[in-house]
Amino acid sequence: MSAPQISTPAGFAPAFAVGFAGPAGDLSQVSRSSPLPVGIAAPVSNAASVEGEAIASLLAGPFRPDGQAPVVVTLDGDWSGEARLQRSTDDGVTLHDLRVAGLDWGVFTANGSEQVWSESEAGATFWLDISIASGTCSYRVSQ
């Protein structure tokens, strides 16, 4: 395939180059063999995790996220029941179930570790509502 023809009144187009500081500190021009070195980086969270063991039903929290990293729920143990992550904007006075597209979200009935929610509102807190039918559930809410 041939290169496209330049069709402007002047018959030319100005050329611009993008570059970055290479390993030696000199200009390295961006190309297919030398792509722009970029990556998505989220700051490390300093949020204190909420963790413990549930042998009876309980409400664990609050978990206070401190950035854009996902909220993670980890459950382990020999248990049966349900664990439901809930969100509050009034420090736990009112708890709201998480929903995505109108469906329940953040509801667990088995062991595992899952990124559940990304929070962007300052002051929002999360609570883990655990209903134990039997056994012991180790839980952790973190970021």
Protein backbone atom coordinates (compact mmCIF):
# COMPACT_ATOMS: atom_id res chain seq x y z
CA MET A 1 0.00 0.00 0.00
CA SER A 2 1.39 3.40 -0.91
CA ALA A 3 1.63 6.34 1.48
CA PRO A 4 -1.33 8.74 1.47
CA GLN A 5 -0.95 11.85 -0.65
CA ILE A 6 -0.76 15.21 1.08
CA SER A 7 -3.55 17.39 -0.22
CA THR A 8 -3.29 20.90 1.17
CA PRO A 9 -3.07 24.27 -0.59
CA ALA A 10 0.67 24.49 0.16
CA GLY A 11 1.39 20.88 -0.79
CA PHE A 12 3.16 20.13 2.50
CA ALA A 13 2.37 19.50 6.17
CA PRO A 14 4.60 20.40 9.09
CA ALA A 15 6.10 17.42 10.94
CA PHE A 16 6.22 17.17 14.71
CA ALA A 17 8.03 14.60 16.81
CA VAL A 18 7.30 13.39 20.32
CA GLY A 19 10.10 12.20 22.50
CA PHE A 20 11.09 11.35 26.05
CA ALA A 21 14.26 11.02 28.09
CA GLY A 22 15.82 7.69 27.21
CA PRO A 23 17.89 5.45 29.51
CA ALA A 24 20.99 7.64 29.04
CA GLY A 25 19.01 10.85 29.62
CA ASP A 26 19.08 11.90 25.98
CA LEU A 27 16.10 12.45 23.67
CA SER A 28 14.51 9.24 22.46
CA GLN A 29 11.98 9.76 19.67
CA VAL A 30 8.69 7.88 19.99
CA SER A 31 8.30 5.19 17.35
CA ARG A 32 6.95 1.67 17.00
CA SER A 33 10.26 0.24 18.20
CA SER A 34 10.55 2.84 21.00
CA PRO A 35 7.02 3.48 22.37
CA LEU A 36 6.21 6.17 24.90
CA PRO A 37 6.84 4.61 28.35
CA VAL A 38 3.56 5.15 30.18
CA GLY A 39 1.59 3.20 32.74
CA ILE A 40 -1.37 3.61 35.01
CA ALA A 41 -0.27 3.97 38.59
CA ALA A 42 -2.49 4.27 41.62
CA PRO A 43 -1.04 5.50 44.87
CA VAL A 44 -0.63 2.90 47.60
CA SER A 45 -3.53 2.90 50.02
CA ASN A 46 -2.95 3.62 53.70
CA ALA A 47 -6.50 2.69 54.67
CA ALA A 48 -6.70 0.49 57.76
CA SER A 49 -8.31 -2.84 56.91
CA VAL A 50 -11.30 -4.21 58.79
CA GLU A 51 -10.76 -7.86 59.68
CA GLY A 52 -11.74 -10.54 62.14
CA GLU A 53 -13.68 -13.76 62.61
CA ALA A 54 -17.43 -14.15 62.73
CA ILE A 55 -18.94 -17.07 64.66
CA ALA A 56 -22.32 -15.33 64.79
CA SER A 57 -23.99 -12.70 62.65
CA LEU A 58 -22.36 -9.27 62.89
CA LEU A 59 -21.84 -5.94 61.20
CA ALA A 60 -18.13 -5.22 60.70
CA GLY A 61 -16.89 -1.73 59.97
CA PRO A 62 -16.41 0.96 59.15
CA PHE A 63 -13.85 0.57 56.40
CA ARG A 64 -12.69 4.00 55.22
CA PRO A 65 -11.15 3.87 51.73
CA ASP A 66 -8.55 6.52 50.99
CA GLY A 67 -8.18 6.57 47.25
CA GLN A 68 -9.05 5.16 43.88
CA ALA A 69 -7.83 1.60 44.50
CA PRO A 70 -10.62 -1.00 44.52
CA VAL A 71 -12.19 -2.13 47.79
CA VAL A 72 -11.38 -5.83 48.31
CA VAL A 73 -13.41 -8.36 50.31
CA THR A 74 -11.67 -11.57 51.41
CA LEU A 75 -13.59 -14.41 53.09
CA ASP A 76 -12.19 -17.70 54.40
CA GLY A 77 -13.13 -20.52 56.74
CA ASP A 78 -15.66 -23.31 57.11
CA TRP A 79 -18.95 -21.44 57.21
CA SER A 80 -22.33 -21.10 55.60
CA GLY A 81 -24.38 -17.96 55.34
CA GLU A 82 -24.05 -14.63 53.53
CA ALA A 83 -21.71 -11.66 53.65
CA ARG A 84 -22.89 -8.41 52.07
CA LEU A 85 -20.76 -5.30 51.56
CA GLN A 86 -22.74 -2.13 52.22
CA ARG A 87 -21.95 1.56 51.65
CA SER A 88 -22.75 4.59 53.79
CA THR A 89 -22.27 8.31 53.38
CA ASP A 90 -23.36 9.18 56.94
CA ASP A 91 -20.83 7.04 58.86
CA GLY A 92 -23.07 4.00 59.15
CA VAL A 93 -26.34 5.59 60.21
CA THR A 94 -27.82 4.55 56.86
CA LEU A 95 -26.44 1.51 55.03
CA HIS A 96 -27.09 0.90 51.35
CA ASP A 97 -26.71 -2.40 49.52
CA LEU A 98 -24.40 -2.24 46.54
CA ARG A 99 -26.11 -2.62 43.18
CA VAL A 100 -24.85 -2.64 39.60
CA ALA A 101 -27.35 -2.24 36.77
CA GLY A 102 -30.15 -2.88 39.27
CA LEU A 103 -28.72 -6.21 40.46
CA ASP A 104 -27.28 -7.12 43.87
CA TRP A 105 -23.51 -6.66 44.05
CA GLY A 106 -20.96 -7.45 46.73
CA VAL A 107 -22.95 -10.41 48.10
CA PHE A 108 -20.95 -13.55 48.98
CA THR A 109 -21.87 -17.07 50.08
CA ALA A 110 -18.45 -18.72 49.68
CA ASN A 111 -14.76 -18.16 50.38
CA GLY A 112 -12.72 -16.00 48.05
CA SER A 113 -11.09 -12.64 47.51
CA GLU A 114 -12.63 -10.14 45.14
CA GLN A 115 -12.24 -6.51 44.14
CA VAL A 116 -15.76 -5.27 44.73
CA TRP A 117 -16.06 -1.51 44.41
CA SER A 118 -14.13 1.60 43.40
CA GLU A 119 -15.01 4.59 45.52
CA SER A 120 -14.50 8.21 44.53
CA GLU A 121 -16.63 10.05 47.10
CA ALA A 122 -14.68 11.38 50.08
CA GLY A 123 -16.15 10.27 53.40
CA ALA A 124 -17.94 7.16 52.14
CA THR A 125 -17.57 4.15 54.43
CA PHE A 126 -18.13 0.42 53.90
CA TRP A 127 -19.57 -2.16 56.24
CA LEU A 128 -19.63 -5.95 55.94
CA ASP A 129 -22.95 -7.41 57.07
CA ILE A 130 -22.29 -11.08 57.86
CA SER A 131 -25.16 -13.50 58.50
CA ILE A 132 -23.71 -16.79 59.80
CA ALA A 133 -25.88 -19.90 59.62
CA SER A 134 -23.04 -22.13 60.87
CA GLY A 135 -19.27 -22.27 61.24
CA THR A 136 -16.64 -19.54 61.42
CA CYS A 137 -15.93 -16.97 58.70
CA SER A 138 -12.67 -15.05 58.64
CA TYR A 139 -13.21 -11.73 56.87
CA ARG A 140 -11.14 -8.82 55.66
CA VAL A 141 -12.16 -5.59 53.91
CA SER A 142 -9.18 -3.69 52.53
CA GLN A 143 -7.91 -1.57 49.69
